[in-house]
Amino acid sequence: MSVAERGGPRLVASFAMERVLLLNATFEPLALLSERRAVVLLISGRVESIATRPEPQIFHSSTLSVEVPAIVRLLHMVRIPRWARTPPLTRRAVLRRDEGRCVYCSDVADTVDHVIPRSRGGRHEWSNVVASCKRDNFLKGDQLLSELGWSLPFKPSAPDGHLWRLRHLAEMDPLWEPFLAAAS
């Protein structure tokens, strides 16, 4: 049974998918959505369109056509719990936080390192994990920085808030800038 046979319109797009900025009811940026998800939220009446690109992509069904917005705003406020503001600690997140550079030599980082090795009681947390190149990670092994005479150029910490991912986007839509600048 297809989507159309189940009673819902089937939206079809023929171009590559772009992202749509999702704002809370208070205009606080929350996340990036796929165009398809943004259109579904728009059709269901859960969001309103705030801005549309100059030449928007159009999703078509048998009964309607919908312009894909660049920015949508939730009609009802969503509370973000305090714990959700600290992103999960992953290799990709650490590399992004440290801008893809080894904290020891500034070369391209391809792995992560525990400043205080786990074998010596170091914890797997934002304040103890940094981006590193394989060479320096191997040289450091399970030694402390003081034993090697090395130092860190900054004190590692968790990224600030849930929007830190958006600040590192290579291609940011110019329509998003006023909302992202107000949130930072």
N, C-alpha and C. Protein backbone atom coordinates (compact mmCIF):
# COMPACT_ATOMS: atom_id res chain seq x y z
N MET A 1 0.85 -1.17 0.00
CA MET A 1 0.00 0.00 0.00
C MET A 1 0.89 1.24 0.00
N SER A 2 0.72 2.13 -0.94
CA SER A 2 1.54 3.32 -1.03
C SER A 2 1.02 4.40 -0.09
N VAL A 3 1.83 5.46 0.06
CA VAL A 3 1.45 6.57 0.93
C VAL A 3 0.17 7.22 0.42
N ALA A 4 0.06 7.36 -0.88
CA ALA A 4 -1.13 7.99 -1.46
C ALA A 4 -2.38 7.14 -1.18
N GLU A 5 -2.24 5.80 -1.21
CA GLU A 5 -3.38 4.93 -0.94
C GLU A 5 -3.79 4.96 0.52
N ARG A 6 -2.84 5.31 1.43
CA ARG A 6 -3.16 5.40 2.85
C ARG A 6 -3.85 6.72 3.18
N GLY A 7 -3.97 7.60 2.24
CA GLY A 7 -4.71 8.83 2.46
C GLY A 7 -3.86 10.08 2.54
N GLY A 8 -2.55 9.98 2.63
CA GLY A 8 -1.70 11.16 2.74
C GLY A 8 -1.09 11.51 1.40
N PRO A 9 -0.85 12.80 1.14
CA PRO A 9 -0.22 13.17 -0.12
C PRO A 9 1.25 12.75 -0.12
N ARG A 10 1.73 12.35 -1.25
CA ARG A 10 3.13 11.97 -1.40
C ARG A 10 3.85 13.12 -2.07
N LEU A 11 4.81 13.72 -1.36
CA LEU A 11 5.55 14.86 -1.89
C LEU A 11 6.77 14.36 -2.62
N VAL A 12 7.02 14.93 -3.78
CA VAL A 12 8.14 14.50 -4.60
C VAL A 12 8.99 15.72 -4.93
N ALA A 13 10.30 15.60 -4.71
CA ALA A 13 11.24 16.66 -5.06
C ALA A 13 12.27 16.07 -6.00
N SER A 14 12.71 16.86 -6.95
CA SER A 14 13.64 16.33 -7.93
C SER A 14 15.06 16.86 -7.77
N PHE A 15 15.32 17.74 -6.81
CA PHE A 15 16.63 18.34 -6.64
C PHE A 15 17.31 17.80 -5.39
N ALA A 16 18.58 18.14 -5.23
CA ALA A 16 19.30 17.74 -4.02
C ALA A 16 18.71 18.45 -2.80
N MET A 17 18.71 17.76 -1.69
CA MET A 17 18.13 18.30 -0.46
C MET A 17 19.06 19.34 0.17
N GLU A 18 18.48 20.42 0.64
CA GLU A 18 19.20 21.41 1.42
C GLU A 18 18.66 21.36 2.84
N ARG A 19 19.21 22.17 3.71
CA ARG A 19 18.78 22.19 5.10
C ARG A 19 17.89 23.39 5.36
N VAL A 20 17.05 23.26 6.38
CA VAL A 20 16.12 24.31 6.79
C VAL A 20 16.37 24.57 8.27
N LEU A 21 16.48 25.84 8.65
CA LEU A 21 16.71 26.21 10.04
C LEU A 21 15.39 26.17 10.80
N LEU A 22 15.37 25.44 11.92
CA LEU A 22 14.18 25.34 12.76
C LEU A 22 14.36 26.27 13.96
N LEU A 23 13.39 27.17 14.15
CA LEU A 23 13.40 28.10 15.28
C LEU A 23 12.33 27.71 16.28
N ASN A 24 12.58 27.97 17.55
CA ASN A 24 11.58 27.79 18.58
C ASN A 24 10.54 28.89 18.42
N ALA A 25 9.46 28.82 19.16
CA ALA A 25 8.42 29.86 19.09
C ALA A 25 8.98 31.22 19.48
N THR A 26 10.07 31.23 20.26
CA THR A 26 10.71 32.47 20.71
C THR A 26 11.81 32.93 19.74
N PHE A 27 11.88 32.33 18.57
CA PHE A 27 12.86 32.63 17.53
C PHE A 27 14.28 32.19 17.90
N GLU A 28 14.42 31.32 18.87
CA GLU A 28 15.72 30.76 19.23
C GLU A 28 16.01 29.59 18.29
N PRO A 29 17.18 29.55 17.65
CA PRO A 29 17.50 28.43 16.75
C PRO A 29 17.57 27.12 17.52
N LEU A 30 16.95 26.09 16.96
CA LEU A 30 16.95 24.77 17.61
C LEU A 30 17.77 23.74 16.86
N ALA A 31 17.60 23.67 15.53
CA ALA A 31 18.24 22.59 14.78
C ALA A 31 18.16 22.87 13.29
N LEU A 32 18.81 22.01 12.53
CA LEU A 32 18.67 22.01 11.08
C LEU A 32 17.84 20.80 10.70
N LEU A 33 16.90 21.01 9.80
CA LEU A 33 16.02 19.95 9.33
C LEU A 33 16.27 19.68 7.86
N SER A 34 15.88 18.51 7.41
CA SER A 34 15.88 18.27 5.97
C SER A 34 14.70 19.03 5.38
N GLU A 35 14.75 19.31 4.10
CA GLU A 35 13.64 20.02 3.45
C GLU A 35 12.35 19.23 3.59
N ARG A 36 12.45 17.93 3.42
CA ARG A 36 11.27 17.07 3.51
C ARG A 36 10.61 17.19 4.88
N ARG A 37 11.41 17.12 5.95
CA ARG A 37 10.86 17.22 7.31
C ARG A 37 10.23 18.59 7.53
N ALA A 38 10.85 19.64 7.03
CA ALA A 38 10.29 20.98 7.18
C ALA A 38 8.94 21.10 6.47
N VAL A 39 8.82 20.53 5.29
CA VAL A 39 7.55 20.58 4.55
C VAL A 39 6.48 19.78 5.27
N VAL A 40 6.84 18.62 5.83
CA VAL A 40 5.87 17.82 6.57
C VAL A 40 5.37 18.60 7.79
N LEU A 41 6.28 19.26 8.52
CA LEU A 41 5.86 20.07 9.67
C LEU A 41 4.99 21.25 9.23
N LEU A 42 5.30 21.83 8.09
CA LEU A 42 4.52 22.94 7.56
C LEU A 42 3.11 22.50 7.19
N ILE A 43 2.99 21.38 6.50
CA ILE A 43 1.68 20.87 6.10
C ILE A 43 0.85 20.48 7.32
N SER A 44 1.51 19.92 8.34
CA SER A 44 0.77 19.48 9.53
C SER A 44 0.37 20.64 10.44
N GLY A 45 0.84 21.84 10.14
CA GLY A 45 0.45 23.01 10.92
C GLY A 45 1.23 23.18 12.21
N ARG A 46 2.37 22.51 12.34
CA ARG A 46 3.19 22.64 13.55
C ARG A 46 4.19 23.77 13.46
N VAL A 47 4.49 24.24 12.24
CA VAL A 47 5.44 25.34 12.05
C VAL A 47 4.86 26.34 11.06
N GLU A 48 5.47 27.53 11.07
CA GLU A 48 5.13 28.52 10.06
C GLU A 48 6.41 28.89 9.31
N SER A 49 6.27 29.29 8.08
CA SER A 49 7.42 29.68 7.27
C SER A 49 7.82 31.11 7.63
N ILE A 50 9.10 31.31 7.91
CA ILE A 50 9.61 32.64 8.25
C ILE A 50 10.30 33.27 7.04
N ALA A 51 11.04 32.47 6.30
CA ALA A 51 11.76 32.99 5.13
C ALA A 51 11.86 31.90 4.08
N THR A 52 11.86 32.33 2.83
CA THR A 52 11.99 31.41 1.70
C THR A 52 13.15 31.89 0.84
N ARG A 53 13.85 30.97 0.24
CA ARG A 53 14.98 31.32 -0.64
C ARG A 53 14.47 32.02 -1.89
N PRO A 54 15.32 32.80 -2.56
CA PRO A 54 14.89 33.52 -3.77
C PRO A 54 14.28 32.61 -4.85
N GLU A 55 14.87 31.46 -5.08
CA GLU A 55 14.33 30.50 -6.03
C GLU A 55 14.08 29.20 -5.29
N PRO A 56 12.97 29.12 -4.56
CA PRO A 56 12.76 27.96 -3.70
C PRO A 56 12.44 26.69 -4.48
N GLN A 57 12.84 25.59 -3.90
CA GLN A 57 12.46 24.30 -4.45
C GLN A 57 10.99 24.09 -4.11
N ILE A 58 10.28 23.39 -4.96
CA ILE A 58 8.85 23.17 -4.74
C ILE A 58 8.60 21.67 -4.67
N PHE A 59 7.93 21.25 -3.59
CA PHE A 59 7.52 19.86 -3.46
C PHE A 59 6.10 19.76 -4.00
N HIS A 60 5.86 18.75 -4.80
CA HIS A 60 4.55 18.57 -5.43
C HIS A 60 3.92 17.26 -4.98
N SER A 61 2.61 17.30 -4.81
CA SER A 61 1.84 16.07 -4.63
C SER A 61 0.71 16.14 -5.64
N SER A 62 -0.19 15.18 -5.60
CA SER A 62 -1.30 15.19 -6.56
C SER A 62 -2.27 16.33 -6.29
N THR A 63 -2.30 16.82 -5.05
CA THR A 63 -3.29 17.85 -4.70
C THR A 63 -2.71 19.20 -4.28
N LEU A 64 -1.39 19.27 -4.00
CA LEU A 64 -0.84 20.54 -3.59
C LEU A 64 0.62 20.68 -3.96
N SER A 65 1.07 21.93 -3.98
CA SER A 65 2.47 22.26 -4.20
C SER A 65 2.92 23.13 -3.04
N VAL A 66 4.10 22.83 -2.50
CA VAL A 66 4.59 23.55 -1.33
C VAL A 66 6.00 24.06 -1.62
N GLU A 67 6.19 25.38 -1.45
CA GLU A 67 7.53 25.95 -1.56
C GLU A 67 8.30 25.58 -0.31
N VAL A 68 9.54 25.15 -0.48
CA VAL A 68 10.37 24.76 0.66
C VAL A 68 10.92 26.03 1.30
N PRO A 69 10.65 26.24 2.59
CA PRO A 69 11.16 27.43 3.27
C PRO A 69 12.64 27.28 3.62
N ALA A 70 13.30 28.39 3.89
CA ALA A 70 14.68 28.37 4.37
C ALA A 70 14.70 28.37 5.89
N ILE A 71 13.66 28.97 6.50
CA ILE A 71 13.55 29.05 7.96
C ILE A 71 12.10 28.78 8.34
N VAL A 72 11.91 27.93 9.35
CA VAL A 72 10.57 27.69 9.89
C VAL A 72 10.60 27.93 11.40
N ARG A 73 9.45 28.30 11.95
CA ARG A 73 9.33 28.57 13.39
C ARG A 73 8.22 27.71 13.97
N LEU A 74 8.51 27.04 15.07
CA LEU A 74 7.50 26.26 15.76
C LEU A 74 6.40 27.18 16.28
N LEU A 75 5.17 26.72 16.24
CA LEU A 75 4.06 27.52 16.73
C LEU A 75 3.90 27.40 18.24
N HIS A 76 4.45 26.36 18.83
CA HIS A 76 4.40 26.17 20.28
C HIS A 76 5.81 26.07 20.83
N MET A 77 6.03 26.69 21.97
CA MET A 77 7.34 26.72 22.61
C MET A 77 7.80 25.32 23.01
N VAL A 78 9.06 25.01 22.74
CA VAL A 78 9.67 23.76 23.16
C VAL A 78 10.76 24.11 24.16
N ARG A 79 10.68 23.53 25.36
CA ARG A 79 11.68 23.79 26.38
C ARG A 79 12.85 22.85 26.17
N ILE A 80 14.06 23.39 26.17
CA ILE A 80 15.26 22.59 25.99
C ILE A 80 15.85 22.32 27.37
N PRO A 81 15.92 21.06 27.79
CA PRO A 81 16.49 20.77 29.10
C PRO A 81 17.96 21.19 29.18
N ARG A 82 18.40 21.55 30.36
CA ARG A 82 19.77 22.01 30.57
C ARG A 82 20.78 20.95 30.11
N TRP A 83 20.51 19.66 30.39
CA TRP A 83 21.45 18.60 30.01
C TRP A 83 21.56 18.45 28.51
N ALA A 84 20.55 18.85 27.76
CA ALA A 84 20.58 18.71 26.31
C ALA A 84 21.46 19.76 25.65
N ARG A 85 21.83 20.77 26.40
CA ARG A 85 22.67 21.82 25.84
C ARG A 85 24.13 21.40 25.71
N THR A 86 24.55 20.39 26.48
CA THR A 86 25.90 19.87 26.36
C THR A 86 25.86 18.71 25.37
N PRO A 87 26.54 18.86 24.24
CA PRO A 87 26.48 17.80 23.22
C PRO A 87 27.18 16.53 23.68
N PRO A 88 26.81 15.39 23.11
CA PRO A 88 27.47 14.14 23.48
C PRO A 88 28.93 14.15 23.05
N LEU A 89 29.76 13.50 23.85
CA LEU A 89 31.19 13.43 23.58
C LEU A 89 31.45 12.33 22.56
N THR A 90 31.76 12.73 21.33
CA THR A 90 32.10 11.79 20.27
C THR A 90 33.39 12.23 19.61
N ARG A 91 34.03 11.34 18.89
CA ARG A 91 35.26 11.67 18.18
C ARG A 91 35.02 12.84 17.22
N ARG A 92 33.93 12.75 16.47
CA ARG A 92 33.61 13.80 15.51
C ARG A 92 33.40 15.15 16.20
N ALA A 93 32.74 15.12 17.36
CA ALA A 93 32.48 16.37 18.09
C ALA A 93 33.78 16.97 18.62
N VAL A 94 34.69 16.13 19.11
CA VAL A 94 35.97 16.64 19.61
C VAL A 94 36.78 17.24 18.46
N LEU A 95 36.82 16.55 17.32
CA LEU A 95 37.55 17.08 16.17
C LEU A 95 36.95 18.41 15.71
N ARG A 96 35.64 18.52 15.76
CA ARG A 96 34.99 19.77 15.36
C ARG A 96 35.31 20.88 16.36
N ARG A 97 35.24 20.57 17.66
CA ARG A 97 35.54 21.57 18.69
C ARG A 97 36.96 22.10 18.52
N ASP A 98 37.93 21.21 18.24
CA ASP A 98 39.33 21.60 18.12
C ASP A 98 39.71 21.98 16.70
N GLU A 99 38.71 22.20 15.85
CA GLU A 99 38.87 22.67 14.47
C GLU A 99 39.74 21.75 13.63
N GLY A 100 39.72 20.45 13.94
CA GLY A 100 40.43 19.47 13.13
C GLY A 100 41.94 19.54 13.24
N ARG A 101 42.45 20.21 14.26
CA ARG A 101 43.89 20.38 14.44
C ARG A 101 44.37 19.66 15.70
N CYS A 102 45.54 19.07 15.62
CA CYS A 102 46.17 18.43 16.77
C CYS A 102 46.53 19.51 17.79
N VAL A 103 46.16 19.31 19.05
CA VAL A 103 46.45 20.32 20.06
C VAL A 103 47.92 20.34 20.44
N TYR A 104 48.67 19.30 20.08
CA TYR A 104 50.07 19.22 20.44
C TYR A 104 50.99 19.84 19.39
N CYS A 105 50.65 19.65 18.09
CA CYS A 105 51.56 20.13 17.04
C CYS A 105 50.87 20.97 15.96
N SER A 106 49.58 21.12 16.01
CA SER A 106 48.77 21.90 15.05
C SER A 106 48.66 21.26 13.67
N ASP A 107 49.10 20.01 13.51
CA ASP A 107 48.88 19.29 12.25
C ASP A 107 47.41 18.88 12.17
N VAL A 108 47.06 18.25 11.06
CA VAL A 108 45.69 17.76 10.91
C VAL A 108 45.47 16.63 11.90
N ALA A 109 44.39 16.74 12.68
CA ALA A 109 44.06 15.71 13.67
C ALA A 109 43.22 14.62 13.03
N ASP A 110 43.50 13.38 13.39
CA ASP A 110 42.72 12.27 12.86
C ASP A 110 42.26 11.31 13.94
N THR A 111 42.53 11.65 15.19
CA THR A 111 42.10 10.82 16.31
C THR A 111 41.93 11.71 17.54
N VAL A 112 41.56 11.12 18.66
CA VAL A 112 41.44 11.87 19.91
C VAL A 112 42.36 11.26 20.95
N ASP A 113 42.71 12.06 21.95
CA ASP A 113 43.63 11.61 23.00
C ASP A 113 43.07 12.05 24.35
N HIS A 114 43.26 11.21 25.35
CA HIS A 114 42.91 11.58 26.72
C HIS A 114 44.13 12.26 27.33
N VAL A 115 43.98 13.51 27.77
CA VAL A 115 45.08 14.28 28.34
C VAL A 115 45.66 13.52 29.53
N ILE A 116 44.81 13.13 30.46
CA ILE A 116 45.22 12.23 31.53
C ILE A 116 44.75 10.84 31.08
N PRO A 117 45.69 9.96 30.75
CA PRO A 117 45.30 8.66 30.19
C PRO A 117 44.31 7.91 31.07
N ARG A 118 43.43 7.18 30.44
CA ARG A 118 42.43 6.41 31.19
C ARG A 118 43.11 5.37 32.08
N SER A 119 44.28 4.87 31.64
CA SER A 119 45.02 3.90 32.44
C SER A 119 45.54 4.50 33.75
N ARG A 120 45.55 5.83 33.81
CA ARG A 120 46.02 6.53 35.02
C ARG A 120 44.86 7.25 35.73
N GLY A 121 43.65 6.83 35.43
CA GLY A 121 42.50 7.39 36.14
C GLY A 121 41.82 8.55 35.42
N GLY A 122 42.28 8.88 34.22
CA GLY A 122 41.64 9.94 33.45
C GLY A 122 40.24 9.53 33.02
N ARG A 123 39.34 10.47 32.99
CA ARG A 123 37.95 10.17 32.64
C ARG A 123 37.68 10.53 31.18
N HIS A 124 36.67 9.88 30.64
CA HIS A 124 36.24 10.16 29.27
C HIS A 124 35.19 11.28 29.34
N GLU A 125 35.68 12.52 29.41
CA GLU A 125 34.80 13.69 29.49
C GLU A 125 35.43 14.83 28.71
N TRP A 126 34.61 15.84 28.41
CA TRP A 126 35.04 16.94 27.56
C TRP A 126 36.32 17.60 28.05
N SER A 127 36.51 17.71 29.35
CA SER A 127 37.69 18.40 29.88
C SER A 127 38.96 17.57 29.82
N ASN A 128 38.87 16.30 29.39
CA ASN A 128 40.04 15.44 29.34
C ASN A 128 40.31 14.87 27.96
N VAL A 129 39.51 15.22 26.96
CA VAL A 129 39.69 14.66 25.61
C VAL A 129 40.01 15.79 24.64
N VAL A 130 41.04 15.58 23.81
CA VAL A 130 41.44 16.58 22.82
C VAL A 130 41.70 15.90 21.48
N ALA A 131 41.71 16.69 20.42
CA ALA A 131 42.04 16.19 19.09
C ALA A 131 43.55 16.01 18.99
N SER A 132 43.97 14.97 18.29
CA SER A 132 45.40 14.68 18.17
C SER A 132 45.68 14.02 16.83
N CYS A 133 46.91 14.17 16.36
CA CYS A 133 47.32 13.41 15.19
C CYS A 133 47.81 12.04 15.69
N LYS A 134 47.83 11.07 14.83
CA LYS A 134 48.22 9.71 15.24
C LYS A 134 49.65 9.67 15.77
N ARG A 135 50.53 10.45 15.15
CA ARG A 135 51.93 10.45 15.57
C ARG A 135 52.07 10.90 17.01
N ASP A 136 51.46 12.05 17.36
CA ASP A 136 51.58 12.55 18.73
C ASP A 136 50.83 11.67 19.73
N ASN A 137 49.72 11.10 19.30
CA ASN A 137 48.99 10.20 20.18
C ASN A 137 49.86 8.98 20.51
N PHE A 138 50.57 8.48 19.51
CA PHE A 138 51.46 7.34 19.72
C PHE A 138 52.63 7.73 20.62
N LEU A 139 53.24 8.91 20.36
CA LEU A 139 54.38 9.36 21.16
C LEU A 139 53.99 9.58 22.62
N LYS A 140 52.80 10.11 22.84
CA LYS A 140 52.34 10.39 24.20
C LYS A 140 52.03 9.10 24.94
N GLY A 141 51.40 8.15 24.26
CA GLY A 141 51.07 6.88 24.89
C GLY A 141 50.25 7.08 26.15
N ASP A 142 50.68 6.47 27.26
CA ASP A 142 49.94 6.63 28.52
C ASP A 142 50.71 7.52 29.49
N GLN A 143 51.47 8.46 28.96
CA GLN A 143 52.24 9.38 29.81
C GLN A 143 51.45 10.66 30.06
N LEU A 144 51.80 11.35 31.12
CA LEU A 144 51.21 12.65 31.42
C LEU A 144 51.96 13.73 30.64
N LEU A 145 51.33 14.84 30.37
CA LEU A 145 51.96 15.93 29.63
C LEU A 145 53.20 16.44 30.36
N SER A 146 53.14 16.50 31.69
CA SER A 146 54.27 16.99 32.47
C SER A 146 55.49 16.08 32.33
N GLU A 147 55.28 14.80 32.14
CA GLU A 147 56.39 13.86 31.97
C GLU A 147 57.09 14.06 30.63
N LEU A 148 56.36 14.57 29.64
CA LEU A 148 56.92 14.81 28.31
C LEU A 148 57.39 16.24 28.12
N GLY A 149 57.01 17.13 29.02
CA GLY A 149 57.33 18.55 28.86
C GLY A 149 56.40 19.24 27.88
N TRP A 150 55.25 18.64 27.62
CA TRP A 150 54.26 19.21 26.69
C TRP A 150 53.25 20.04 27.49
N SER A 151 52.56 20.90 26.76
CA SER A 151 51.47 21.67 27.38
C SER A 151 50.35 21.86 26.36
N LEU A 152 49.18 22.19 26.87
CA LEU A 152 48.03 22.43 26.00
C LEU A 152 47.90 23.92 25.73
N PRO A 153 47.52 24.29 24.50
CA PRO A 153 47.34 25.71 24.18
C PRO A 153 46.06 26.30 24.77
N PHE A 154 45.15 25.43 25.24
CA PHE A 154 43.89 25.88 25.84
C PHE A 154 43.41 24.82 26.81
N LYS A 155 42.49 25.21 27.67
CA LYS A 155 41.91 24.26 28.62
C LYS A 155 40.69 23.62 27.96
N PRO A 156 40.72 22.32 27.72
CA PRO A 156 39.58 21.67 27.05
C PRO A 156 38.30 21.79 27.89
N SER A 157 37.20 22.03 27.20
CA SER A 157 35.90 22.11 27.88
C SER A 157 34.82 21.73 26.87
N ALA A 158 33.63 21.50 27.38
CA ALA A 158 32.50 21.17 26.52
C ALA A 158 32.16 22.37 25.65
N PRO A 159 31.76 22.15 24.41
CA PRO A 159 31.32 23.26 23.56
C PRO A 159 30.15 23.98 24.20
N ASP A 160 30.02 25.25 23.90
CA ASP A 160 29.00 26.08 24.54
C ASP A 160 27.65 25.95 23.85
N GLY A 161 26.79 25.15 24.42
CA GLY A 161 25.41 25.07 23.97
C GLY A 161 25.20 24.19 22.76
N HIS A 162 23.92 24.04 22.41
CA HIS A 162 23.55 23.14 21.32
C HIS A 162 23.77 23.75 19.94
N LEU A 163 24.07 25.05 19.86
CA LEU A 163 24.24 25.70 18.56
C LEU A 163 25.68 25.69 18.05
N TRP A 164 26.61 25.16 18.83
CA TRP A 164 28.00 25.20 18.40
C TRP A 164 28.21 24.47 17.09
N ARG A 165 27.38 23.46 16.80
CA ARG A 165 27.52 22.73 15.54
C ARG A 165 27.23 23.62 14.33
N LEU A 166 26.30 24.54 14.49
CA LEU A 166 25.89 25.40 13.38
C LEU A 166 26.97 26.42 13.03
N ARG A 167 27.79 26.81 13.98
CA ARG A 167 28.81 27.84 13.73
C ARG A 167 29.92 27.34 12.83
N HIS A 168 30.04 26.03 12.67
CA HIS A 168 31.14 25.47 11.90
C HIS A 168 30.71 25.01 10.51
N LEU A 169 29.51 25.36 10.10
CA LEU A 169 29.03 24.93 8.80
C LEU A 169 29.81 25.61 7.69
N ALA A 170 30.17 24.85 6.69
CA ALA A 170 30.92 25.40 5.57
C ALA A 170 30.02 26.30 4.72
N GLU A 171 28.79 25.87 4.49
CA GLU A 171 27.86 26.65 3.68
C GLU A 171 26.64 27.02 4.51
N MET A 172 26.69 28.20 5.09
CA MET A 172 25.58 28.66 5.89
C MET A 172 24.71 29.60 5.05
N ASP A 173 23.43 29.37 5.07
CA ASP A 173 22.49 30.19 4.32
C ASP A 173 22.51 31.61 4.88
N PRO A 174 22.70 32.63 4.04
CA PRO A 174 22.73 34.01 4.53
C PRO A 174 21.43 34.43 5.24
N LEU A 175 20.32 33.79 4.91
CA LEU A 175 19.06 34.12 5.57
C LEU A 175 19.07 33.74 7.05
N TRP A 176 19.93 32.79 7.45
CA TRP A 176 19.97 32.33 8.83
C TRP A 176 20.75 33.27 9.75
N GLU A 177 21.66 34.07 9.18
CA GLU A 177 22.60 34.87 9.97
C GLU A 177 21.96 35.70 11.09
N PRO A 178 20.85 36.44 10.84
CA PRO A 178 20.28 37.23 11.94
C PRO A 178 19.84 36.39 13.13
N PHE A 179 19.37 35.19 12.87
CA PHE A 179 18.88 34.33 13.96
C PHE A 179 20.04 33.66 14.70
N LEU A 180 21.07 33.27 13.98
CA LEU A 180 22.22 32.64 14.62
C LEU A 180 23.07 33.65 15.37
N ALA A 181 23.19 34.87 14.83
CA ALA A 181 23.98 35.90 15.51
C ALA A 181 23.31 36.31 16.82
N ALA A 182 22.00 36.38 16.84
CA ALA A 182 21.28 36.75 18.06
C ALA A 182 21.40 35.68 19.12
N ALA A 183 21.59 34.42 18.72
CA ALA A 183 21.65 33.31 19.66
C ALA A 183 23.04 33.11 20.25
N SER A 184 24.06 33.66 19.62
CA SER A 184 25.43 33.40 20.12
C SER A 184 25.89 34.44 21.10
